[in-house]
C-alpha atoms as a PDB file:
ATOM      1  CA  MET A   1     -72.174-151.615  82.286  1.00  0.00           C
ATOM      2  CA  PRO A   2     -70.600-148.772  80.525  1.00  0.00           C
ATOM      3  CA  GLY A   3     -70.995-148.767  76.767  1.00  0.00           C
ATOM      4  CA  PRO A   4     -68.521-148.647  73.987  1.00  0.00           C
ATOM      5  CA  VAL A   5     -66.492-145.743  72.705  1.00  0.00           C
ATOM      6  CA  VAL A   6     -67.871-145.095  69.196  1.00  0.00           C
ATOM      7  CA  VAL A   7     -65.876-143.461  66.398  1.00  0.00           C
ATOM      8  CA  GLY A   8     -67.514-142.490  62.969  1.00  0.00           C
ATOM      9  CA  VAL A   9     -65.317-142.658  59.996  1.00  0.00           C
ATOM     10  CA  ASP A  10     -65.606-141.790  56.359  1.00  0.00           C
ATOM     11  CA  GLY A  11     -62.132-141.954  55.035  1.00  0.00           C
ATOM     12  CA  SER A  12     -61.218-138.394  55.513  1.00  0.00           C
ATOM     13  CA  PRO A  13     -57.962-137.385  57.291  1.00  0.00           C
ATOM     14  CA  SER A  14     -60.028-135.672  59.995  1.00  0.00           C
ATOM     15  CA  ALA A  15     -61.960-138.883  60.524  1.00  0.00           C
ATOM     16  CA  MET A  16     -58.658-140.984  60.721  1.00  0.00           C
ATOM     17  CA  ALA A  17     -57.265-138.715  63.263  1.00  0.00           C
ATOM     18  CA  ALA A  18     -60.409-139.265  65.258  1.00  0.00           C
ATOM     19  CA  VAL A  19     -59.891-143.014  65.130  1.00  0.00           C
ATOM     20  CA  ASP A  20     -56.369-142.432  66.955  1.00  0.00           C
ATOM     21  CA  ALA A  21     -58.208-140.468  69.556  1.00  0.00           C
ATOM     22  CA  ALA A  22     -61.000-142.658  70.142  1.00  0.00           C
ATOM     23  CA  ALA A  23     -58.613-145.835  70.313  1.00  0.00           C
ATOM     24  CA  ARG A  24     -56.707-144.053  73.141  1.00  0.00           C
ATOM     25  CA  GLU A  25     -60.074-143.178  74.897  1.00  0.00           C
ATOM     26  CA  ALA A  26     -61.314-146.805  74.720  1.00  0.00           C
ATOM     27  CA  LEU A  27     -58.061-147.909  76.174  1.00  0.00           C
ATOM     28  CA  PHE A  28     -58.096-145.446  78.995  1.00  0.00           C
ATOM     29  CA  ARG A  29     -61.592-146.478  79.853  1.00  0.00           C
ATOM     30  CA  GLY A  30     -61.050-150.363  79.413  1.00  0.00           C
ATOM     31  CA  ALA A  31     -64.034-149.926  76.915  1.00  0.00           C
ATOM     32  CA  GLU A  32     -64.515-151.661  73.538  1.00  0.00           C
ATOM     33  CA  LEU A  33     -64.085-149.562  70.401  1.00  0.00           C
ATOM     34  CA  HIS A  34     -66.803-149.355  67.814  1.00  0.00           C
ATOM     35  CA  VAL A  35     -65.526-148.146  64.444  1.00  0.00           C
ATOM     36  CA  VAL A  36     -68.635-147.206  62.383  1.00  0.00           C
ATOM     37  CA  HIS A  37     -69.361-146.099  59.001  1.00  0.00           C
ATOM     38  CA  ALA A  38     -72.799-144.831  57.976  1.00  0.00           C
ATOM     39  CA  PHE A  39     -73.944-145.348  54.351  1.00  0.00           C
ATOM     40  CA  ILE A  40     -77.123-145.191  52.104  1.00  0.00           C
ATOM     41  CA  TRP A  41     -76.693-147.684  49.318  1.00  0.00           C
ATOM     42  CA  PRO A  42     -79.502-146.553  47.072  1.00  0.00           C
ATOM     43  CA  ALA A  43     -78.472-142.991  47.173  1.00  0.00           C
ATOM     44  CA  MET A  44     -75.345-143.830  45.378  1.00  0.00           C
ATOM     45  CA  HIS A  45     -77.242-145.285  42.401  1.00  0.00           C
ATOM     46  CA  VAL A  46     -74.705-147.817  42.035  1.00  0.00           C
ATOM     47  CA  PRO A  47     -74.735-151.546  42.912  1.00  0.00           C
ATOM     48  CA  PRO A  48     -73.208-152.376  46.123  1.00  0.00           C
ATOM     49  CA  GLY A  49     -71.172-155.142  44.477  1.00  0.00           C
ATOM     50  CA  ALA A  50     -68.432-155.287  41.982  1.00  0.00           C
ATOM     51  CA  SER A  51     -69.338-153.792  38.439  1.00  0.00           C
ATOM     52  CA  PRO A  52     -69.478-156.373  35.760  1.00  0.00           C
ATOM     53  CA  LEU A  53     -67.193-154.022  33.718  1.00  0.00           C
ATOM     54  CA  GLY A  54     -64.709-153.489  36.431  1.00  0.00           C
ATOM     55  CA  PRO A  55     -62.208-155.480  38.584  1.00  0.00           C
ATOM     56  CA  PRO A  56     -63.929-158.072  40.921  1.00  0.00           C
ATOM     57  CA  ALA A  57     -62.851-156.191  44.033  1.00  0.00           C
ATOM     58  CA  GLY A  58     -63.766-152.668  42.864  1.00  0.00           C
ATOM     59  CA  GLY A  59     -67.451-152.429  44.403  1.00  0.00           C
ATOM     60  CA  VAL A  60     -68.640-149.859  46.759  1.00  0.00           C
ATOM     61  CA  ARG A  61     -69.308-152.443  49.373  1.00  0.00           C
ATOM     62  CA  GLU A  62     -65.512-153.687  48.941  1.00  0.00           C
ATOM     63  CA  GLY A  63     -64.384-150.002  49.518  1.00  0.00           C
ATOM     64  CA  VAL A  64     -66.168-149.641  52.586  1.00  0.00           C
ATOM     65  CA  GLU A  65     -65.058-152.844  54.022  1.00  0.00           C
ATOM     66  CA  HIS A  66     -61.427-151.947  53.111  1.00  0.00           C
ATOM     67  CA  LEU A  67     -61.999-148.299  54.779  1.00  0.00           C
ATOM     68  CA  LEU A  68     -63.133-150.122  58.193  1.00  0.00           C
ATOM     69  CA  HIS A  69     -60.345-152.668  58.085  1.00  0.00           C
ATOM     70  CA  GLU A  70     -57.683-149.666  57.652  1.00  0.00           C
ATOM     71  CA  ALA A  71     -59.342-148.018  60.486  1.00  0.00           C
ATOM     72  CA  VAL A  72     -59.424-150.758  62.890  1.00  0.00           C
ATOM     73  CA  ASP A  73     -55.727-151.411  61.927  1.00  0.00           C
ATOM     74  CA  ARG A  74     -55.141-147.875  62.668  1.00  0.00           C
ATOM     75  CA  ALA A  75     -56.749-148.079  66.020  1.00  0.00           C
ATOM     76  CA  ARG A  76     -54.829-150.971  67.203  1.00  0.00           C
ATOM     77  CA  PHE A  77     -51.481-149.366  66.036  1.00  0.00           C
ATOM     78  CA  ALA A  78     -52.528-146.046  68.159  1.00  0.00           C
ATOM     79  CA  ALA A  79     -53.576-148.010  71.219  1.00  0.00           C
ATOM     80  CA  PRO A  80     -51.983-151.459  71.264  1.00  0.00           C
ATOM     81  CA  GLY A  81     -54.239-153.860  73.197  1.00  0.00           C
ATOM     82  CA  VAL A  82     -57.455-151.892  72.527  1.00  0.00           C
ATOM     83  CA  ARG A  83     -60.643-154.229  71.760  1.00  0.00           C
ATOM     84  CA  ALA A  84     -61.947-152.953  68.373  1.00  0.00           C
ATOM     85  CA  ALA A  85     -64.896-154.130  66.324  1.00  0.00           C
ATOM     86  CA  SER A  86     -66.394-152.425  62.956  1.00  0.00           C
ATOM     87  CA  ALA A  87     -69.806-152.018  61.468  1.00  0.00           C
ATOM     88  CA  VAL A  88     -71.519-150.527  58.618  1.00  0.00           C
ATOM     89  CA  MET A  89     -74.837-148.560  59.878  1.00  0.00           C
ATOM     90  CA  PRO A  90     -77.652-148.205  57.478  1.00  0.00           C
ATOM     91  CA  GLY A  91     -78.890-144.521  56.900  1.00  0.00           C
ATOM     92  CA  GLU A  92     -77.084-141.008  57.085  1.00  0.00           C
ATOM     93  CA  ALA A  93     -74.177-140.257  59.334  1.00  0.00           C
ATOM     94  CA  VAL A  94     -75.729-137.927  61.512  1.00  0.00           C
ATOM     95  CA  ALA A  95     -78.795-140.161  62.493  1.00  0.00           C
ATOM     96  CA  ALA A  96     -76.621-143.294  62.710  1.00  0.00           C
ATOM     97  CA  LEU A  97     -74.192-141.674  65.089  1.00  0.00           C
ATOM     98  CA  GLU A  98     -76.975-140.051  67.099  1.00  0.00           C
ATOM     99  CA  ALA A  99     -78.661-143.486  67.576  1.00  0.00           C
ATOM    100  CA  GLU A 100     -75.321-144.949  68.647  1.00  0.00           C
ATOM    101  CA  SER A 101     -74.906-142.307  71.190  1.00  0.00           C
ATOM    102  CA  ARG A 102     -77.826-143.594  73.159  1.00  0.00           C
ATOM    103  CA  THR A 103     -75.740-146.660  74.217  1.00  0.00           C
ATOM    104  CA  ALA A 104     -72.129-145.292  73.942  1.00  0.00           C
ATOM    105  CA  GLN A 105     -70.127-143.642  76.684  1.00  0.00           C
ATOM    106  CA  LEU A 106     -68.327-141.312  74.343  1.00  0.00           C
ATOM    107  CA  ILE A 107     -68.767-140.730  70.500  1.00  0.00           C
ATOM    108  CA  VAL A 108     -65.749-139.405  68.657  1.00  0.00           C
ATOM    109  CA  VAL A 109     -65.790-137.629  65.379  1.00  0.00           C
ATOM    110  CA  GLY A 110     -63.412-135.547  63.127  1.00  0.00           C
ATOM    111  CA  HIS A 111     -64.088-131.856  62.846  1.00  0.00           C
ATOM    112  CA  ARG A 112     -64.800-132.027  59.202  1.00  0.00           C
ATOM    113  CA  GLY A 113     -65.643-135.203  57.008  1.00  0.00           C
ATOM    114  CA  SER A 114     -65.096-136.024  53.350  1.00  0.00           C
ATOM    115  CA  GLY A 115     -68.389-133.988  52.192  1.00  0.00           C
ATOM    116  CA  GLY A 116     -69.593-130.519  52.470  1.00  0.00           C
ATOM    117  CA  ILE A 117     -67.917-127.110  51.449  1.00  0.00           C
ATOM    118  CA  ARG A 118     -64.278-127.330  52.027  1.00  0.00           C
ATOM    119  CA  GLU A 119     -64.135-123.587  53.476  1.00  0.00           C
ATOM    120  CA  LEU A 120     -66.287-124.703  56.403  1.00  0.00           C
ATOM    121  CA  LEU A 121     -64.413-124.973  59.738  1.00  0.00           C
ATOM    122  CA  LEU A 122     -66.705-127.395  61.269  1.00  0.00           C
ATOM    123  CA  GLY A 123     -68.847-130.080  59.597  1.00  0.00           C
ATOM    124  CA  SER A 124     -72.375-130.745  59.952  1.00  0.00           C
ATOM    125  CA  THR A 125     -72.169-134.042  61.670  1.00  0.00           C
ATOM    126  CA  ALA A 126     -69.946-132.537  64.458  1.00  0.00           C
ATOM    127  CA  VAL A 127     -72.240-129.721  64.946  1.00  0.00           C
ATOM    128  CA  HIS A 128     -75.437-131.786  65.204  1.00  0.00           C
ATOM    129  CA  LEU A 129     -73.949-134.440  67.437  1.00  0.00           C
ATOM    130  CA  ALA A 130     -72.625-131.834  69.886  1.00  0.00           C
ATOM    131  CA  ALA A 131     -76.161-130.389  70.118  1.00  0.00           C
ATOM    132  CA  HIS A 132     -78.122-133.593  70.043  1.00  0.00           C
ATOM    133  CA  GLY A 133     -75.963-136.296  71.238  1.00  0.00           C
ATOM    134  CA  HIS A 134     -77.169-138.634  74.150  1.00  0.00           C
ATOM    135  CA  CYS A 135     -73.534-139.123  75.565  1.00  0.00           C
ATOM    136  CA  PRO A 136     -70.425-136.764  75.576  1.00  0.00           C
ATOM    137  CA  VAL A 137     -69.172-135.995  72.067  1.00  0.00           C
ATOM    138  CA  MET A 138     -65.486-135.433  71.377  1.00  0.00           C
ATOM    139  CA  VAL A 139     -64.608-133.436  68.144  1.00  0.00           C
ATOM    140  CA  VAL A 140     -61.019-134.128  67.268  1.00  0.00           C
ATOM    141  CA  ARG A 141     -59.493-131.036  65.714  1.00  0.00           C
ATOM    142  CA  GLY A 142     -56.076-129.077  66.133  1.00  0.00           C
ATOM    143  CA  ARG A 143     -53.084-130.551  67.827  1.00  0.00           C
ATOM    144  CA  THR A 144     -54.009-134.006  68.698  1.00  0.00           C
ATOM    145  CA  GLU A 145     -50.944-135.100  70.696  1.00  0.00           C
ATOM    146  CA  PRO A 146     -51.877-136.214  74.311  1.00  0.00           C
ATOM    147  CA  GLU A 147     -49.702-133.721  75.930  1.00  0.00           C
ATOM    148  CA  GLY A 148     -50.529-130.867  78.416  1.00  0.00           C
ATOM    149  CA  PRO A 149     -53.359-130.410  80.780  1.00  0.00           C
ATOM    150  CA  VAL A 150     -57.187-130.979  80.320  1.00  0.00           C
ATOM    151  CA  LEU A 151     -58.863-127.782  80.359  1.00  0.00           C
ATOM    152  CA  VAL A 152     -62.314-127.260  81.512  1.00  0.00           C
ATOM    153  CA  ALA A 153     -64.443-124.144  81.064  1.00  0.00           C
ATOM    154  CA  VAL A 154     -66.184-123.133  84.226  1.00  0.00           C
ATOM    155  CA  ASP A 155     -69.070-120.631  84.345  1.00  0.00           C
ATOM    156  CA  GLY A 156     -70.648-121.522  87.679  1.00  0.00           C
ATOM    157  CA  SER A 157     -73.961-122.723  85.691  1.00  0.00           C
ATOM    158  CA  PRO A 158     -75.903-125.725  86.859  1.00  0.00           C
ATOM    159  CA  GLN A 159     -75.633-126.973  83.136  1.00  0.00           C
ATOM    160  CA  GLY A 160     -71.847-126.951  83.653  1.00  0.00           C
ATOM    161  CA  ARG A 161     -71.491-129.316  86.564  1.00  0.00           C
ATOM    162  CA  GLU A 162     -71.636-132.538  84.375  1.00  0.00           C
ATOM    163  CA  ALA A 163     -68.864-130.935  82.253  1.00  0.00           C
ATOM    164  CA  ILE A 164     -66.637-130.408  85.342  1.00  0.00           C
ATOM    165  CA  ALA A 165     -67.225-134.039  86.626  1.00  0.00           C
ATOM    166  CA  PHE A 166     -66.429-135.360  83.043  1.00  0.00           C
ATOM    167  CA  ALA A 167     -63.126-133.341  82.891  1.00  0.00           C
ATOM    168  CA  PHE A 168     -62.042-134.425  86.458  1.00  0.00           C
ATOM    169  CA  ALA A 169     -62.581-138.156  85.245  1.00  0.00           C
ATOM    170  CA  GLU A 170     -60.852-137.466  82.043  1.00  0.00           C
ATOM    171  CA  ALA A 171     -57.744-135.921  83.578  1.00  0.00           C
ATOM    172  CA  GLN A 172     -57.538-138.984  85.906  1.00  0.00           C
ATOM    173  CA  LEU A 173     -57.731-141.441  83.024  1.00  0.00           C
ATOM    174  CA  ARG A 174     -54.977-139.454  81.248  1.00  0.00           C
ATOM    175  CA  GLY A 175     -52.858-138.834  84.150  1.00  0.00           C
ATOM    176  CA  SER A 176     -52.669-135.276  83.501  1.00  0.00           C
ATOM    177  CA  GLU A 177     -53.160-131.941  85.289  1.00  0.00           C
ATOM    178  CA  LEU A 178     -56.489-130.229  85.124  1.00  0.00           C
ATOM    179  CA  VAL A 179     -56.826-126.579  84.386  1.00  0.00           C
ATOM    180  CA  ALA A 180     -60.098-125.029  85.581  1.00  0.00           C
ATOM    181  CA  LEU A 181     -60.670-121.681  83.738  1.00  0.00           C
ATOM    182  CA  HIS A 182     -63.102-119.093  84.449  1.00  0.00           C
ATOM    183  CA  ALA A 183     -63.214-115.871  82.445  1.00  0.00           C
ATOM    184  CA  TRP A 184     -65.094-112.867  83.558  1.00  0.00           C
ATOM    185  CA  THR A 185     -65.529-109.375  82.638  1.00  0.00           C
ATOM    186  CA  THR A 186     -67.167-106.349  84.624  1.00  0.00           C
ATOM    187  CA  TRP A 187     -70.481-107.276  82.649  1.00  0.00           C
ATOM    188  CA  SER A 188     -70.430-110.828  84.186  1.00  0.00           C
ATOM    189  CA  ASP A 189     -73.895-111.363  85.816  1.00  0.00           C
ATOM    190  CA  HIS A 190     -74.333-114.088  88.291  1.00  0.00           C
ATOM    191  CA  GLY A 191     -76.812-112.681  90.621  1.00  0.00           C
ATOM    192  CA  GLU A 192     -80.588-112.814  90.962  1.00  0.00           C
ATOM    193  CA  SER A 193     -81.269-110.352  88.217  1.00  0.00           C
ATOM    194  CA  GLY A 194     -80.958-113.142  85.651  1.00  0.00           C
ATOM    195  CA  PRO A 195     -80.434-112.924  81.840  1.00  0.00           C
ATOM    196  CA  GLY A 196     -81.735-109.691  80.187  1.00  0.00           C
ATOM    197  CA  HIS A 197     -81.097-107.612  83.320  1.00  0.00           C
ATOM    198  CA  PRO A 198     -77.959-105.613  82.681  1.00  0.00           C
ATOM    199  CA  VAL A 199     -75.508-104.753  85.432  1.00  0.00           C
ATOM    200  CA  GLU A 200     -76.017-101.363  86.801  1.00  0.00           C
ATOM    201  CA  LEU A 201     -73.474 -98.787  85.767  1.00  0.00           C
ATOM    202  CA  VAL A 202     -72.404 -98.207  89.450  1.00  0.00           C
ATOM    203  CA  ASP A 203     -71.550-101.662  89.880  1.00  0.00           C
ATOM    204  CA  MET A 204     -69.746-101.936  86.656  1.00  0.00           C
ATOM    205  CA  ILE A 205     -67.431 -99.148  87.633  1.00  0.00           C
ATOM    206  CA  GLY A 206     -67.265-100.090  91.198  1.00  0.00           C
ATOM    207  CA  ASP A 207     -64.734-102.201  93.198  1.00  0.00           C
ATOM    208  CA  VAL A 208     -63.354-104.425  90.612  1.00  0.00           C
ATOM    209  CA  GLU A 209     -61.176-106.355  93.192  1.00  0.00           C
ATOM    210  CA  GLN A 210     -64.440-107.257  94.892  1.00  0.00           C
ATOM    211  CA  MET A 211     -65.930-108.469  91.641  1.00  0.00           C
ATOM    212  CA  ARG A 212     -62.713-110.457  91.034  1.00  0.00           C
ATOM    213  CA  ALA A 213     -63.000-111.937  94.515  1.00  0.00           C
ATOM    214  CA  ALA A 214     -66.676-112.907  93.908  1.00  0.00           C
ATOM    215  CA  GLU A 215     -65.666-114.644  90.774  1.00  0.00           C
ATOM    216  CA  GLU A 216     -62.824-116.630  92.389  1.00  0.00           C
ATOM    217  CA  ARG A 217     -65.309-118.018  95.032  1.00  0.00           C
ATOM    218  CA  LEU A 218     -67.478-118.928  92.182  1.00  0.00           C
ATOM    219  CA  LEU A 219     -64.874-121.017  90.808  1.00  0.00           C
ATOM    220  CA  VAL A 220     -63.945-122.728  94.202  1.00  0.00           C
ATOM    221  CA  GLU A 221     -67.665-123.533  94.617  1.00  0.00           C
ATOM    222  CA  ALA A 222     -68.001-125.097  91.129  1.00  0.00           C
ATOM    223  CA  LEU A 223     -65.024-127.291  91.922  1.00  0.00           C
ATOM    224  CA  SER A 224     -66.035-128.192  95.375  1.00  0.00           C
ATOM    225  CA  GLY A 225     -66.874-131.961  95.788  1.00  0.00           C
ATOM    226  CA  HIS A 226     -64.967-132.940  92.783  1.00  0.00           C
ATOM    227  CA  ARG A 227     -61.505-132.428  94.199  1.00  0.00           C
ATOM    228  CA  GLU A 228     -62.584-134.733  97.091  1.00  0.00           C
ATOM    229  CA  ARG A 229     -63.856-137.460  94.722  1.00  0.00           C
ATOM    230  CA  TYR A 230     -60.543-137.154  92.590  1.00  0.00           C
ATOM    231  CA  PRO A 231     -57.674-136.422  95.110  1.00  0.00           C
ATOM    232  CA  GLU A 232     -55.075-137.644  92.913  1.00  0.00           C
ATOM    233  CA  VAL A 233     -55.805-135.084  90.127  1.00  0.00           C
ATOM    234  CA  THR A 234     -53.783-131.940  90.293  1.00  0.00           C
ATOM    235  CA  VAL A 235     -56.231-129.255  89.664  1.00  0.00           C
ATOM    236  CA  ARG A 236     -54.902-125.477  88.689  1.00  0.00           C
ATOM    237  CA  PRO A 237     -57.840-123.008  89.141  1.00  0.00           C
ATOM    238  CA  ARG A 238     -57.431-119.898  86.810  1.00  0.00           C
ATOM    239  CA  VAL A 239     -59.619-116.933  87.030  1.00  0.00           C
ATOM    240  CA  LEU A 240     -59.021-114.551  84.035  1.00  0.00           C
ATOM    241  CA  ARG A 241     -60.491-111.376  83.205  1.00  0.00           C
ATOM    242  CA  GLY A 242     -61.466-111.319  79.730  1.00  0.00           C
ATOM    243  CA  ARG A 243     -63.998-112.544  77.148  1.00  0.00           C
ATOM    244  CA  THR A 244     -64.870-116.153  77.571  1.00  0.00           C
ATOM    245  CA  ARG A 245     -64.356-117.336  73.998  1.00  0.00           C
ATOM    246  CA  PRO A 246     -61.024-115.806  72.975  1.00  0.00           C
ATOM    247  CA  THR A 247     -59.678-116.606  76.526  1.00  0.00           C
ATOM    248  CA  LEU A 248     -60.523-120.344  76.234  1.00  0.00           C
ATOM    249  CA  ILE A 249     -59.379-120.389  72.516  1.00  0.00           C
ATOM    250  CA  GLU A 250     -56.025-119.030  73.523  1.00  0.00           C
ATOM    251  CA  ALA A 251     -55.811-121.365  76.633  1.00  0.00           C
ATOM    252  CA  SER A 252     -56.310-124.463  74.306  1.00  0.00           C
ATOM    253  CA  GLU A 253     -53.038-123.880  72.654  1.00  0.00           C
ATOM    254  CA  ARG A 254     -51.476-125.430  75.649  1.00  0.00           C
ATOM    255  CA  ALA A 255     -54.005-128.249  76.445  1.00  0.00           C
ATOM    256  CA  GLN A 256     -54.429-131.821  75.212  1.00  0.00           C
ATOM    257  CA  LEU A 257     -58.381-131.515  75.482  1.00  0.00           C
ATOM    258  CA  ILE A 258     -60.731-128.921  76.295  1.00  0.00           C
ATOM    259  CA  VAL A 259     -64.135-129.782  77.935  1.00  0.00           C
ATOM    260  CA  VAL A 260     -67.283-127.624  77.672  1.00  0.00           C
ATOM    261  CA  CYS A 261     -70.885-127.794  78.595  1.00  0.00           C
ATOM    262  CA  ALA A 262     -73.227-127.628  75.648  1.00  0.00           C
ATOM    263  CA  ARG A 263     -74.924-124.514  76.921  1.00  0.00           C
ATOM    264  CA  GLY A 264     -74.054-122.603  79.997  1.00  0.00           C
ATOM    265  CA  ARG A 265     -75.067-119.096  81.361  1.00  0.00           C
ATOM    266  CA  GLY A 266     -76.620-116.560  79.069  1.00  0.00           C
ATOM    267  CA  GLY A 267     -77.955-116.763  75.454  1.00  0.00           C
ATOM    268  CA  PHE A 268     -81.367-118.032  74.636  1.00  0.00           C
ATOM    269  CA  ALA A 269     -82.870-121.028  76.483  1.00  0.00           C
ATOM    270  CA  GLY A 270     -83.923-122.807  73.512  1.00  0.00           C
ATOM    271  CA  LEU A 271     -80.523-123.227  72.055  1.00  0.00           C
ATOM    272  CA  LEU A 272     -78.943-126.733  72.522  1.00  0.00           C
ATOM    273  CA  LEU A 273     -75.507-125.456  71.719  1.00  0.00           C
ATOM    274  CA  GLY A 274     -74.337-122.155  73.057  1.00  0.00           C
ATOM    275  CA  SER A 275     -72.025-119.536  71.561  1.00  0.00           C
ATOM    276  CA  VAL A 276     -69.104-120.589  73.680  1.00  0.00           C
ATOM    277  CA  GLY A 277     -69.272-124.102  72.627  1.00  0.00           C
ATOM    278  CA  GLN A 278     -69.903-123.317  69.159  1.00  0.00           C
ATOM    279  CA  ALA A 279     -66.732-121.056  69.220  1.00  0.00           C
ATOM    280  CA  VAL A 280     -64.513-123.564  70.849  1.00  0.00           C
ATOM    281  CA  LEU A 281     -65.757-126.335  68.363  1.00  0.00           C
ATOM    282  CA  HIS A 282     -64.655-124.071  65.510  1.00  0.00           C
ATOM    283  CA  HIS A 283     -61.471-122.490  66.634  1.00  0.00           C
ATOM    284  CA  ALA A 284     -59.941-124.523  69.387  1.00  0.00           C
ATOM    285  CA  ASN A 285     -56.428-125.615  69.028  1.00  0.00           C
ATOM    286  CA  CYS A 286     -56.917-129.153  70.423  1.00  0.00           C
ATOM    287  CA  PRO A 287     -59.733-131.777  70.561  1.00  0.00           C
ATOM    288  CA  VAL A 288     -63.135-130.594  72.181  1.00  0.00           C
ATOM    289  CA  THR A 289     -65.524-132.599  74.325  1.00  0.00           C
ATOM    290  CA  VAL A 290     -69.038-131.285  74.608  1.00  0.00           C
ATOM    291  CA  VAL A 291     -70.963-132.449  77.610  1.00  0.00           C
ATOM    292  CA  ARG A 292     -74.740-131.990  77.693  1.00  0.00           C
ATOM    293  CA  SER A 293     -76.546-131.803  81.067  1.00  0.00           C
ATOM    294  CA  GLY A 294     -79.298-134.111  81.971  1.00  0.00           C
ATOM    295  CA  LEU A 295     -78.115-137.019  79.852  1.00  0.00           C
END
């Protein structure tokens, strides 16, 4: 049986926007929504209950319970009919949410929490979960209205297959169009030479149209099988010549969600989150879902 949709809250505006998105996701999937707040009581150096010098309802525990109650109410308003429950999880937010991801079907967080440095574009919790979560992780940022297509980044890598499958399923749940975008340049290398072997100069300045045709075939092959499984999803393949990161970020301006794999072609094999995933998480204009392969 599929697990719940889990959303982490800390009282920040970003987290509350994540509650809205998570509630809609849970309703789409017919899943229960778990609203969780992670907290380490001893680290606060204050008693969890009310201070004897303050009002009876002024303790840290009461504040957390009020936060969770507010978040659940907000979830039910955003997605009437959603089944929602809340819990305080012991420990740090990163560790608690990573543990929740082992049984969840989706983890949802805001792009920045209430802590950290204000100038940072992306909080440490979102970065860690995108790289280490045991289920797909949605980071809510930018324009959050569920309007426009679902956008999936396609690079033809084996690691990207699960992201494509997730994007098809998500488009079906949302009743939206799916845009499958593949960006390429004359330095794109999908041959047998592998990473670290640059494209020969004669190939780089050769028949660009032939290269374009090869990239179009790559996209068709990457989508094969998924279209048959989701015949009701309207798919719009797009092959664009340009650098992947800025192309995806620009395309996200018109999307309601962008789906990327954690690490695709290129880069260092030891990285859990590739440069494209990191760039999109930091700069996309809509929510981002990162799908790790082999989960």
